[in-house]
Amino acid sequence: MKKGILLLFILIAKSACTSTKIYTRLKCHICLSQSNGVLLLPLPWDAGFSRLSPGEQADIELQVLNLLRDKGFTKVELYDRLEHELFSAGINDPNDPEQRSKVNSILGYPYFLGITLGETRNSDEWDYRTKQELYDMNPPPPDMEISATIRVALIETATGNIVSDNAIITEISDWGTPDEDGGVNFWNFGSVSQAIRKATDKGVANMVKDCSC
């Protein structure tokens, strides 16, 4: 029973200490219909995501696809899952303009969705300051913030032009609990993976809203 209460307390604390900010690099200037095909570029193509395991990357890819489907998009898929269709259409290099245009003209996907991972910051789960240290502020309270920055860009397959571009920063702050000696235990039960997931969720949802007709 006590373990269950502690777990609930931790989950509440984690949720309360998470914040996300979105910075517009390029405001969306197209009308994205739910019937438009959106092809998610694989996360392993971005060197930043090498900080996550293959399983974590796959989970985030699925998260993005499910989010788009939940918002009513009827034609969304991961690029790697169209291996047969891409081969049949003669597409093996999406950076080649002629091949990339076939993603739309033959396969019916007018947009790529690209997600890249920028700066991340991790932290120890626990730190402590005595009553005297808190009074003297020497050393100061620990900076145990966890954060992740991602970029969400929507790209026209016909032209290669970026039509929507946003940077998303999610921060998970630490929180403190006093003890009977007057000191404070500082905790942060978050993770970089959790921050990336939250930033991805907010970033994709913002893209959909910003590009809505």
C-alpha atoms as a PDB file:
ATOM      1  CA  MET A   1       0.000   0.000   0.000  1.00  0.00           C
ATOM      2  CA  LYS A   2       2.799   2.421   0.956  1.00  0.00           C
ATOM      3  CA  LYS A   3       4.658   1.632  -2.269  1.00  0.00           C
ATOM      4  CA  GLY A   4       1.521   2.376  -4.269  1.00  0.00           C
ATOM      5  CA  ILE A   5       1.066   5.749  -2.554  1.00  0.00           C
ATOM      6  CA  LEU A   6       4.736   6.627  -3.134  1.00  0.00           C
ATOM      7  CA  LEU A   7       4.487   5.710  -6.825  1.00  0.00           C
ATOM      8  CA  LEU A   8       1.379   7.845  -7.251  1.00  0.00           C
ATOM      9  CA  PHE A   9       3.121  10.752  -5.531  1.00  0.00           C
ATOM     10  CA  ILE A  10       6.114  10.431  -7.854  1.00  0.00           C
ATOM     11  CA  LEU A  11       3.916  10.342 -10.967  1.00  0.00           C
ATOM     12  CA  ILE A  12       2.045  13.455  -9.863  1.00  0.00           C
ATOM     13  CA  ALA A  13       5.308  15.247  -9.145  1.00  0.00           C
ATOM     14  CA  LYS A  14       6.738  14.336 -12.541  1.00  0.00           C
ATOM     15  CA  SER A  15       3.679  15.647 -14.332  1.00  0.00           C
ATOM     16  CA  ALA A  16       3.592  18.893 -12.355  1.00  0.00           C
ATOM     17  CA  CYS A  17       7.245  19.763 -13.104  1.00  0.00           C
ATOM     18  CA  THR A  18       7.164  19.402 -16.900  1.00  0.00           C
ATOM     19  CA  SER A  19       6.915  22.421 -19.211  1.00  0.00           C
ATOM     20  CA  THR A  20       7.138  22.780 -22.988  1.00  0.00           C
ATOM     21  CA  LYS A  21       7.820  25.830 -25.155  1.00  0.00           C
ATOM     22  CA  ILE A  22       7.406  26.024 -28.924  1.00  0.00           C
ATOM     23  CA  TYR A  23       9.452  28.414 -31.064  1.00  0.00           C
ATOM     24  CA  THR A  24       8.275  29.049 -34.621  1.00  0.00           C
ATOM     25  CA  ARG A  25      11.066  28.972 -37.197  1.00  0.00           C
ATOM     26  CA  LEU A  26       8.688  29.050 -40.172  1.00  0.00           C
ATOM     27  CA  LYS A  27       4.945  29.494 -39.783  1.00  0.00           C
ATOM     28  CA  CYS A  28       2.967  26.946 -41.775  1.00  0.00           C
ATOM     29  CA  HIS A  29       1.788  28.375 -45.099  1.00  0.00           C
ATOM     30  CA  ILE A  30      -0.088  25.416 -46.591  1.00  0.00           C
ATOM     31  CA  CYS A  31      -3.471  23.820 -45.962  1.00  0.00           C
ATOM     32  CA  LEU A  32      -2.872  20.314 -44.599  1.00  0.00           C
ATOM     33  CA  SER A  33      -5.931  18.133 -45.108  1.00  0.00           C
ATOM     34  CA  GLN A  34      -6.536  14.939 -43.156  1.00  0.00           C
ATOM     35  CA  SER A  35      -6.656  13.138 -46.497  1.00  0.00           C
ATOM     36  CA  ASN A  36      -3.157  14.299 -47.448  1.00  0.00           C
ATOM     37  CA  GLY A  37      -0.494  11.612 -47.262  1.00  0.00           C
ATOM     38  CA  VAL A  38       2.232  12.232 -44.680  1.00  0.00           C
ATOM     39  CA  LEU A  39       5.352  10.074 -44.717  1.00  0.00           C
ATOM     40  CA  LEU A  40       7.415  10.080 -41.524  1.00  0.00           C
ATOM     41  CA  LEU A  41      11.165  10.062 -42.097  1.00  0.00           C
ATOM     42  CA  PRO A  42      12.921   7.428 -39.920  1.00  0.00           C
ATOM     43  CA  LEU A  43      14.411   8.817 -36.709  1.00  0.00           C
ATOM     44  CA  PRO A  44      17.697   6.859 -37.110  1.00  0.00           C
ATOM     45  CA  TRP A  45      18.446   9.041 -40.161  1.00  0.00           C
ATOM     46  CA  ASP A  46      19.148  11.865 -37.694  1.00  0.00           C
ATOM     47  CA  ALA A  47      22.446  11.514 -35.813  1.00  0.00           C
ATOM     48  CA  GLY A  48      20.916  13.133 -32.732  1.00  0.00           C
ATOM     49  CA  PHE A  49      18.613  10.180 -32.122  1.00  0.00           C
ATOM     50  CA  SER A  50      21.615   7.838 -31.783  1.00  0.00           C
ATOM     51  CA  ARG A  51      21.463   8.838 -28.102  1.00  0.00           C
ATOM     52  CA  LEU A  52      18.343   6.669 -27.837  1.00  0.00           C
ATOM     53  CA  SER A  53      18.168   2.910 -28.245  1.00  0.00           C
ATOM     54  CA  PRO A  54      16.633   1.437 -31.423  1.00  0.00           C
ATOM     55  CA  GLY A  55      13.634   0.379 -29.339  1.00  0.00           C
ATOM     56  CA  GLU A  56      13.115   3.905 -27.989  1.00  0.00           C
ATOM     57  CA  GLN A  57      13.374   5.338 -31.490  1.00  0.00           C
ATOM     58  CA  ALA A  58      10.787   2.857 -32.793  1.00  0.00           C
ATOM     59  CA  ASP A  59       8.447   3.723 -29.909  1.00  0.00           C
ATOM     60  CA  ILE A  60       8.615   7.432 -30.755  1.00  0.00           C
ATOM     61  CA  GLU A  61       7.997   6.728 -34.447  1.00  0.00           C
ATOM     62  CA  LEU A  62       4.890   4.768 -33.484  1.00  0.00           C
ATOM     63  CA  GLN A  63       3.861   7.579 -31.140  1.00  0.00           C
ATOM     64  CA  VAL A  64       3.963  10.069 -34.035  1.00  0.00           C
ATOM     65  CA  LEU A  65       2.014   7.824 -36.411  1.00  0.00           C
ATOM     66  CA  ASN A  66      -0.645   7.118 -33.786  1.00  0.00           C
ATOM     67  CA  LEU A  67      -0.952  10.815 -32.973  1.00  0.00           C
ATOM     68  CA  LEU A  68      -1.580  11.689 -36.617  1.00  0.00           C
ATOM     69  CA  ARG A  69      -4.101   8.866 -36.981  1.00  0.00           C
ATOM     70  CA  ASP A  70      -5.873   9.954 -33.808  1.00  0.00           C
ATOM     71  CA  LYS A  71      -6.232  13.412 -35.356  1.00  0.00           C
ATOM     72  CA  GLY A  72      -8.000  11.923 -38.354  1.00  0.00           C
ATOM     73  CA  PHE A  73      -5.212  11.516 -40.901  1.00  0.00           C
ATOM     74  CA  THR A  74      -6.014   8.559 -43.119  1.00  0.00           C
ATOM     75  CA  LYS A  75      -2.730   8.110 -44.977  1.00  0.00           C
ATOM     76  CA  VAL A  76       0.332   8.228 -42.716  1.00  0.00           C
ATOM     77  CA  GLU A  77       3.233   5.800 -42.690  1.00  0.00           C
ATOM     78  CA  LEU A  78       6.897   5.401 -41.840  1.00  0.00           C
ATOM     79  CA  TYR A  79       9.191   5.703 -44.854  1.00  0.00           C
ATOM     80  CA  ASP A  80      10.980   2.412 -44.099  1.00  0.00           C
ATOM     81  CA  ARG A  81       7.699   0.483 -44.156  1.00  0.00           C
ATOM     82  CA  LEU A  82       7.155   1.314 -47.817  1.00  0.00           C
ATOM     83  CA  GLU A  83      10.263  -0.524 -48.986  1.00  0.00           C
ATOM     84  CA  HIS A  84       8.420  -2.511 -51.684  1.00  0.00           C
ATOM     85  CA  GLU A  85       6.425   0.466 -52.931  1.00  0.00           C
ATOM     86  CA  LEU A  86       9.525   2.682 -53.043  1.00  0.00           C
ATOM     87  CA  PHE A  87      11.498   0.048 -54.943  1.00  0.00           C
ATOM     88  CA  SER A  88       8.675  -0.447 -57.454  1.00  0.00           C
ATOM     89  CA  ALA A  89       8.514   3.316 -58.070  1.00  0.00           C
ATOM     90  CA  GLY A  90      12.275   3.533 -58.576  1.00  0.00           C
ATOM     91  CA  ILE A  91      12.878   5.557 -55.429  1.00  0.00           C
ATOM     92  CA  ASN A  92      16.052   4.799 -53.479  1.00  0.00           C
ATOM     93  CA  ASP A  93      17.317   8.310 -52.720  1.00  0.00           C
ATOM     94  CA  PRO A  94      14.773  10.822 -51.380  1.00  0.00           C
ATOM     95  CA  ASN A  95      17.407  13.566 -51.677  1.00  0.00           C
ATOM     96  CA  ASP A  96      17.287  13.252 -55.469  1.00  0.00           C
ATOM     97  CA  PRO A  97      14.664  15.773 -56.688  1.00  0.00           C
ATOM     98  CA  GLU A  98      13.321  13.556 -59.470  1.00  0.00           C
ATOM     99  CA  GLN A  99      12.987  10.510 -57.221  1.00  0.00           C
ATOM    100  CA  ARG A 100      11.556  12.571 -54.361  1.00  0.00           C
ATOM    101  CA  SER A 101       8.815  13.973 -56.597  1.00  0.00           C
ATOM    102  CA  LYS A 102       7.659  10.394 -57.297  1.00  0.00           C
ATOM    103  CA  VAL A 103       6.829  10.025 -53.592  1.00  0.00           C
ATOM    104  CA  ASN A 104       3.922  12.337 -54.358  1.00  0.00           C
ATOM    105  CA  SER A 105       3.123  11.648 -58.024  1.00  0.00           C
ATOM    106  CA  ILE A 106       3.268   7.837 -57.769  1.00  0.00           C
ATOM    107  CA  LEU A 107       2.829   6.954 -54.092  1.00  0.00           C
ATOM    108  CA  GLY A 108       0.506   9.816 -53.154  1.00  0.00           C
ATOM    109  CA  TYR A 109       2.454  11.327 -50.251  1.00  0.00           C
ATOM    110  CA  PRO A 110       2.772  15.093 -50.758  1.00  0.00           C
ATOM    111  CA  TYR A 111       4.578  15.633 -47.454  1.00  0.00           C
ATOM    112  CA  PHE A 112       7.514  14.304 -45.483  1.00  0.00           C
ATOM    113  CA  LEU A 113       7.471  14.806 -41.721  1.00  0.00           C
ATOM    114  CA  GLY A 114      10.998  15.194 -40.367  1.00  0.00           C
ATOM    115  CA  ILE A 115      11.903  15.155 -36.673  1.00  0.00           C
ATOM    116  CA  THR A 116      15.431  15.849 -35.467  1.00  0.00           C
ATOM    117  CA  LEU A 117      16.893  15.830 -31.969  1.00  0.00           C
ATOM    118  CA  GLY A 118      19.014  18.731 -30.806  1.00  0.00           C
ATOM    119  CA  GLU A 119      20.515  19.486 -27.409  1.00  0.00           C
ATOM    120  CA  THR A 120      19.587  17.303 -24.451  1.00  0.00           C
ATOM    121  CA  ARG A 121      20.429  17.599 -20.797  1.00  0.00           C
ATOM    122  CA  ASN A 122      20.336  14.852 -18.193  1.00  0.00           C
ATOM    123  CA  SER A 123      20.626  14.972 -14.417  1.00  0.00           C
ATOM    124  CA  ASP A 124      21.194  12.853 -11.357  1.00  0.00           C
ATOM    125  CA  GLU A 125      17.997  11.625  -9.744  1.00  0.00           C
ATOM    126  CA  TRP A 126      18.880  12.865  -6.267  1.00  0.00           C
ATOM    127  CA  ASP A 127      20.890  15.494  -4.421  1.00  0.00           C
ATOM    128  CA  TYR A 128      20.850  16.880  -0.890  1.00  0.00           C
ATOM    129  CA  ARG A 129      21.485  20.176   0.916  1.00  0.00           C
ATOM    130  CA  THR A 130      21.869  20.436   4.668  1.00  0.00           C
ATOM    131  CA  LYS A 131      20.073  23.059   6.729  1.00  0.00           C
ATOM    132  CA  GLN A 132      23.278  25.073   7.048  1.00  0.00           C
ATOM    133  CA  GLU A 133      24.021  24.853   3.332  1.00  0.00           C
ATOM    134  CA  LEU A 134      20.538  26.098   2.535  1.00  0.00           C
ATOM    135  CA  TYR A 135      21.003  28.964   4.969  1.00  0.00           C
ATOM    136  CA  ASP A 136      24.392  29.907   3.577  1.00  0.00           C
ATOM    137  CA  MET A 137      23.389  29.070  -0.036  1.00  0.00           C
ATOM    138  CA  ASN A 138      26.887  27.657  -0.388  1.00  0.00           C
ATOM    139  CA  PRO A 139      26.718  25.512  -2.389  1.00  0.00           C
ATOM    140  CA  PRO A 140      23.503  26.788  -4.002  1.00  0.00           C
ATOM    141  CA  PRO A 141      20.509  24.498  -4.590  1.00  0.00           C
ATOM    142  CA  PRO A 142      21.414  21.938  -7.277  1.00  0.00           C
ATOM    143  CA  ASP A 143      20.468  22.522 -10.880  1.00  0.00           C
ATOM    144  CA  MET A 144      18.929  19.153 -11.774  1.00  0.00           C
ATOM    145  CA  GLU A 145      16.804  20.142 -14.752  1.00  0.00           C
ATOM    146  CA  ILE A 146      16.332  17.618 -17.572  1.00  0.00           C
ATOM    147  CA  SER A 147      15.587  18.942 -21.039  1.00  0.00           C
ATOM    148  CA  ALA A 148      15.344  18.029 -24.717  1.00  0.00           C
ATOM    149  CA  THR A 149      15.085  20.117 -27.867  1.00  0.00           C
ATOM    150  CA  ILE A 150      13.580  18.741 -31.059  1.00  0.00           C
ATOM    151  CA  ARG A 151      12.737  20.190 -34.458  1.00  0.00           C
ATOM    152  CA  VAL A 152       9.546  19.267 -36.321  1.00  0.00           C
ATOM    153  CA  ALA A 153       9.484  20.148 -40.023  1.00  0.00           C
ATOM    154  CA  LEU A 154       6.911  19.440 -42.727  1.00  0.00           C
ATOM    155  CA  ILE A 155       8.478  19.150 -46.185  1.00  0.00           C
ATOM    156  CA  GLU A 156       6.866  19.100 -49.627  1.00  0.00           C
ATOM    157  CA  THR A 157       7.957  15.984 -51.484  1.00  0.00           C
ATOM    158  CA  ALA A 158       7.375  17.598 -54.894  1.00  0.00           C
ATOM    159  CA  THR A 159       9.710  20.543 -54.269  1.00  0.00           C
ATOM    160  CA  GLY A 160      11.739  19.692 -51.177  1.00  0.00           C
ATOM    161  CA  ASN A 161      10.620  22.984 -49.629  1.00  0.00           C
ATOM    162  CA  ILE A 162       9.993  23.213 -45.892  1.00  0.00           C
ATOM    163  CA  VAL A 163       6.466  24.513 -45.302  1.00  0.00           C
ATOM    164  CA  SER A 164       6.336  24.302 -41.494  1.00  0.00           C
ATOM    165  CA  ASP A 165       9.243  24.419 -39.063  1.00  0.00           C
ATOM    166  CA  ASN A 166       9.210  24.597 -35.261  1.00  0.00           C
ATOM    167  CA  ALA A 167      11.654  24.039 -32.423  1.00  0.00           C
ATOM    168  CA  ILE A 168      10.229  22.499 -29.254  1.00  0.00           C
ATOM    169  CA  ILE A 169      11.918  22.517 -25.857  1.00  0.00           C
ATOM    170  CA  THR A 170      10.624  20.396 -22.987  1.00  0.00           C
ATOM    171  CA  GLU A 171      12.047  20.832 -19.497  1.00  0.00           C
ATOM    172  CA  ILE A 172      11.525  18.594 -16.481  1.00  0.00           C
ATOM    173  CA  SER A 173      12.385  20.449 -13.277  1.00  0.00           C
ATOM    174  CA  ASP A 174      13.507  18.969  -9.982  1.00  0.00           C
ATOM    175  CA  TRP A 175      11.521  19.284  -6.776  1.00  0.00           C
ATOM    176  CA  GLY A 176      12.509  19.225  -3.107  1.00  0.00           C
ATOM    177  CA  THR A 177      11.262  17.562   0.064  1.00  0.00           C
ATOM    178  CA  PRO A 178      12.436  18.716   3.500  1.00  0.00           C
ATOM    179  CA  ASP A 179      13.615  16.208   6.089  1.00  0.00           C
ATOM    180  CA  GLU A 180      13.433  16.210   9.893  1.00  0.00           C
ATOM    181  CA  ASP A 181      16.928  17.740  10.171  1.00  0.00           C
ATOM    182  CA  GLY A 182      15.962  20.849   8.235  1.00  0.00           C
ATOM    183  CA  GLY A 183      17.750  19.799   5.065  1.00  0.00           C
ATOM    184  CA  VAL A 184      16.155  19.257   1.670  1.00  0.00           C
ATOM    185  CA  ASN A 185      16.247  16.249  -0.619  1.00  0.00           C
ATOM    186  CA  PHE A 186      16.153  17.275  -4.275  1.00  0.00           C
ATOM    187  CA  TRP A 187      14.649  14.790  -6.731  1.00  0.00           C
ATOM    188  CA  ASN A 188      14.147  14.464 -10.452  1.00  0.00           C
ATOM    189  CA  PHE A 189      12.565  11.206 -11.566  1.00  0.00           C
ATOM    190  CA  GLY A 190      12.314  12.322 -15.203  1.00  0.00           C
ATOM    191  CA  SER A 191      14.434  11.175 -18.123  1.00  0.00           C
ATOM    192  CA  VAL A 192      15.680  12.557 -21.417  1.00  0.00           C
ATOM    193  CA  SER A 193      13.517   9.995 -23.213  1.00  0.00           C
ATOM    194  CA  GLN A 194      10.460  11.299 -21.364  1.00  0.00           C
ATOM    195  CA  ALA A 195      11.320  14.892 -22.322  1.00  0.00           C
ATOM    196  CA  ILE A 196      11.756  13.873 -25.983  1.00  0.00           C
ATOM    197  CA  ARG A 197       8.393  12.107 -25.986  1.00  0.00           C
ATOM    198  CA  LYS A 198       6.628  15.123 -24.533  1.00  0.00           C
ATOM    199  CA  ALA A 199       8.334  17.517 -26.950  1.00  0.00           C
ATOM    200  CA  THR A 200       7.466  15.268 -29.889  1.00  0.00           C
ATOM    201  CA  ASP A 201       3.827  15.029 -28.853  1.00  0.00           C
ATOM    202  CA  LYS A 202       3.508  18.798 -28.443  1.00  0.00           C
ATOM    203  CA  GLY A 203       5.470  19.542 -31.605  1.00  0.00           C
ATOM    204  CA  VAL A 204       3.459  17.292 -33.912  1.00  0.00           C
ATOM    205  CA  ALA A 205       0.161  18.450 -32.412  1.00  0.00           C
ATOM    206  CA  ASN A 206       1.220  22.073 -32.927  1.00  0.00           C
ATOM    207  CA  MET A 207       2.183  21.375 -36.553  1.00  0.00           C
ATOM    208  CA  VAL A 208      -1.225  19.844 -37.253  1.00  0.00           C
ATOM    209  CA  LYS A 209      -3.011  22.799 -35.666  1.00  0.00           C
ATOM    210  CA  ASP A 210      -0.864  25.387 -37.403  1.00  0.00           C
ATOM    211  CA  CYS A 211      -1.335  23.760 -40.822  1.00  0.00           C
ATOM    212  CA  SER A 212      -5.039  23.014 -40.464  1.00  0.00           C
ATOM    213  CA  CYS A 213      -7.324  24.285 -43.225  1.00  0.00           C
END
